[in-house]
Structure formats: C-alpha cells, structure tokens
Amino acid sequence: QVQLVESGGGLVQAGGSLRLSCAASGRTLHSYSMGWFRQVPGKEREFVAAMSWGGTSTYYEDAVKGRFIISRDNTKNTVYLQMNSLKPEDTAAYYCAARYTYSPATTYRSRYEYDNWGQGTQVTVSS
C-alpha cells in the first residue's frame, strides 16, 4: 500500500489560485494512476481530475476544465493539482487517490476504482 498526504489547502478569494500537493510514501508512485476528488458535507465524494501513471492521459470533470491542472513528478513521488480562477463552489475537502495499474495510459474516474486515499485538505473560496 502507498500512503498519501495532501497539503496546500487554505482560504482564498474567488478568482485566486492554489496548488495542492499529494506526497506519497511507502511505495513509489510509478505504476499508480492518480486522481483528485472533492467532497462537501452531506454530499458524495466527486471526481475532479485524473492522470495516468505514464503521464500521457488526463481527464477532468467538466466544471474544472480549463481551470485546474493535474500533474505529477514521479521523481518526487508527488502529484499536484493546480487550481486557478477559483470559485466559491470549489469549496470542499480535496482528496488524492491512487490505484495500482499495469496500464500506463489509463485514468480512473470513479472513487470506487481507487483503493489508496489521503486524509484530505480543505479548500475554502470566499466570494
């Protein structure tokens, strides 16, 4: 199993930016497809972005396309989520997730497809 720790959350005004980091330990992230999800109280955890372990494939939820960018640095065992043009509706706890896969180009968009999760980091966007 790989352990994941998110950081970089905080309070930001609408229109601002944040970069979330997800640092892995225990195993290298090589061969792990990565995802970012978010959750607000009382709602289900929803998909935000995903990247294959080869880095060649990405996928974004429609509401964040053009504003968020997922990236990874396998040498640092870290995945990032750059969030630009933030909106109040982006307020949520953000979680990174990892899934071991033999496919370097596959992304996963369902939370049920991931079996490694971080503890989350809170992002609050004020209007």
Protein backbone atom coordinates (compact mmCIF):
# COMPACT_ATOMS: atom_id res chain seq x y z
CA GLN A 1 0.00 0.00 0.00
CA VAL A 2 1.02 3.55 -0.60
CA GLN A 3 0.41 6.29 1.95
CA LEU A 4 -0.79 9.64 0.65
CA VAL A 5 -0.67 13.03 2.35
CA GLU A 6 -2.29 16.10 0.86
CA SER A 7 -1.24 19.67 1.55
CA GLY A 8 -1.69 23.14 0.14
CA GLY A 9 -5.29 23.81 1.02
CA GLY A 10 -6.45 27.02 2.60
CA LEU A 11 -8.65 30.09 2.29
CA VAL A 12 -8.54 32.05 -0.95
CA GLN A 13 -10.68 34.71 -2.57
CA ALA A 14 -12.69 33.99 -5.67
CA GLY A 15 -10.50 34.27 -8.74
CA GLY A 16 -7.41 33.22 -6.85
CA SER A 17 -5.22 30.15 -7.16
CA LEU A 18 -3.98 27.31 -5.01
CA ARG A 19 -1.73 24.36 -5.68
CA LEU A 20 -2.45 21.16 -3.84
CA SER A 21 0.23 18.55 -3.36
CA CYS A 22 -0.12 14.85 -2.69
CA ALA A 23 3.04 13.25 -1.36
CA ALA A 24 3.35 9.50 -1.40
CA SER A 25 5.37 7.25 0.85
CA GLY A 26 5.74 3.55 1.32
CA ARG A 27 5.93 2.85 -2.37
CA THR A 28 6.91 4.71 -5.49
CA LEU A 29 4.04 6.22 -7.48
CA HIS A 30 5.36 4.56 -10.60
CA SER A 31 2.55 2.30 -11.84
CA TYR A 32 -0.09 4.19 -9.85
CA SER A 33 -2.82 6.02 -11.68
CA MET A 34 -3.73 9.09 -9.65
CA GLY A 35 -6.89 11.05 -9.05
CA TRP A 36 -8.20 14.06 -7.18
CA PHE A 37 -11.65 14.12 -5.65
CA ARG A 38 -13.56 16.59 -3.53
CA GLN A 39 -16.34 16.39 -1.01
CA VAL A 40 -18.60 18.80 0.80
CA PRO A 41 -20.52 17.80 3.92
CA GLY A 42 -23.67 15.88 3.17
CA LYS A 43 -22.68 15.08 -0.40
CA GLU A 44 -20.89 12.23 -2.07
CA ARG A 45 -17.22 12.46 -2.92
CA GLU A 46 -16.95 13.61 -6.52
CA PHE A 47 -14.32 13.23 -9.19
CA VAL A 48 -12.18 16.24 -10.10
CA ALA A 49 -9.21 15.11 -12.17
CA ALA A 50 -7.13 12.06 -13.00
CA MET A 51 -3.78 11.29 -14.57
CA SER A 52 -2.34 8.01 -15.79
CA TRP A 53 0.90 6.81 -14.29
CA GLY A 54 2.68 7.35 -17.57
CA GLY A 55 1.51 10.95 -17.53
CA THR A 56 0.13 10.77 -21.05
CA SER A 57 -3.56 10.74 -20.20
CA THR A 58 -5.57 13.19 -18.15
CA TYR A 59 -9.25 13.65 -17.53
CA TYR A 60 -11.17 16.46 -15.86
CA GLU A 61 -14.63 16.93 -14.52
CA ASP A 62 -16.46 19.44 -16.70
CA ALA A 63 -16.75 22.09 -14.00
CA VAL A 64 -12.97 22.38 -13.61
CA LYS A 65 -11.83 22.03 -17.24
CA GLY A 66 -9.67 24.93 -18.26
CA ARG A 67 -9.12 26.00 -14.64
CA PHE A 68 -7.47 23.02 -12.91
CA ILE A 69 -4.37 21.16 -14.00
CA ILE A 70 -3.24 17.81 -12.65
CA SER A 71 0.42 16.93 -12.88
CA ARG A 72 2.87 14.52 -11.35
CA ASP A 73 6.54 14.31 -10.61
CA ASN A 74 7.39 10.65 -10.18
CA THR A 75 10.93 11.52 -9.13
CA LYS A 76 9.49 13.37 -6.14
CA ASN A 77 6.70 10.85 -5.64
CA THR A 78 4.23 13.71 -5.70
CA VAL A 79 1.08 14.63 -7.57
CA TYR A 80 -0.21 18.17 -7.87
CA LEU A 81 -3.48 19.92 -8.57
CA GLN A 82 -3.07 23.49 -9.74
CA MET A 83 -6.35 25.29 -9.22
CA ASN A 84 -6.86 28.63 -10.96
CA SER A 85 -9.81 31.01 -11.24
CA LEU A 86 -11.29 29.50 -8.12
CA LYS A 87 -14.98 29.87 -7.45
CA PRO A 88 -16.95 29.62 -4.20
CA GLU A 89 -18.47 26.38 -5.49
CA ASP A 90 -14.97 24.84 -5.49
CA THR A 91 -15.05 24.95 -1.69
CA ALA A 92 -14.60 21.38 -0.44
CA ALA A 93 -12.24 18.93 1.17
CA TYR A 94 -9.90 17.68 -1.55
CA TYR A 95 -8.57 14.14 -1.55
CA CYS A 96 -5.96 12.45 -3.67
CA ALA A 97 -6.24 8.80 -4.53
CA ALA A 98 -4.03 6.15 -6.11
CA ARG A 99 -4.68 2.91 -7.91
CA TYR A 100 -2.03 0.42 -8.94
CA THR A 101 -2.32 -0.49 -12.61
CA TYR A 102 -0.29 -2.20 -15.29
CA SER A 103 -1.63 0.23 -17.88
CA PRO A 104 0.45 3.40 -18.25
CA ALA A 105 -2.29 5.26 -20.08
CA THR A 106 -5.42 4.51 -18.07
CA THR A 107 -7.24 7.03 -15.92
CA TYR A 108 -9.93 6.19 -13.39
CA ARG A 109 -12.87 8.46 -12.65
CA SER A 110 -14.88 6.58 -10.07
CA ARG A 111 -13.99 6.74 -6.40
CA TYR A 112 -14.75 3.01 -6.21
CA GLU A 113 -11.82 2.29 -8.52
CA TYR A 114 -9.24 3.69 -6.10
CA ASP A 115 -8.00 1.86 -3.04
CA ASN A 116 -5.49 4.30 -1.58
CA TRP A 117 -6.62 7.65 -0.19
CA GLY A 118 -5.14 10.59 1.62
CA GLN A 119 -6.73 12.31 4.59
CA GLY A 120 -7.81 15.38 2.64
CA THR A 121 -7.05 19.08 2.67
CA GLN A 122 -9.68 21.80 2.98
CA VAL A 123 -10.09 24.43 0.29
CA THR A 124 -12.34 27.40 1.03
CA VAL A 125 -13.07 30.01 -1.62
CA SER A 126 -14.67 33.22 -0.40
CA SER A 127 -16.84 35.39 -2.62
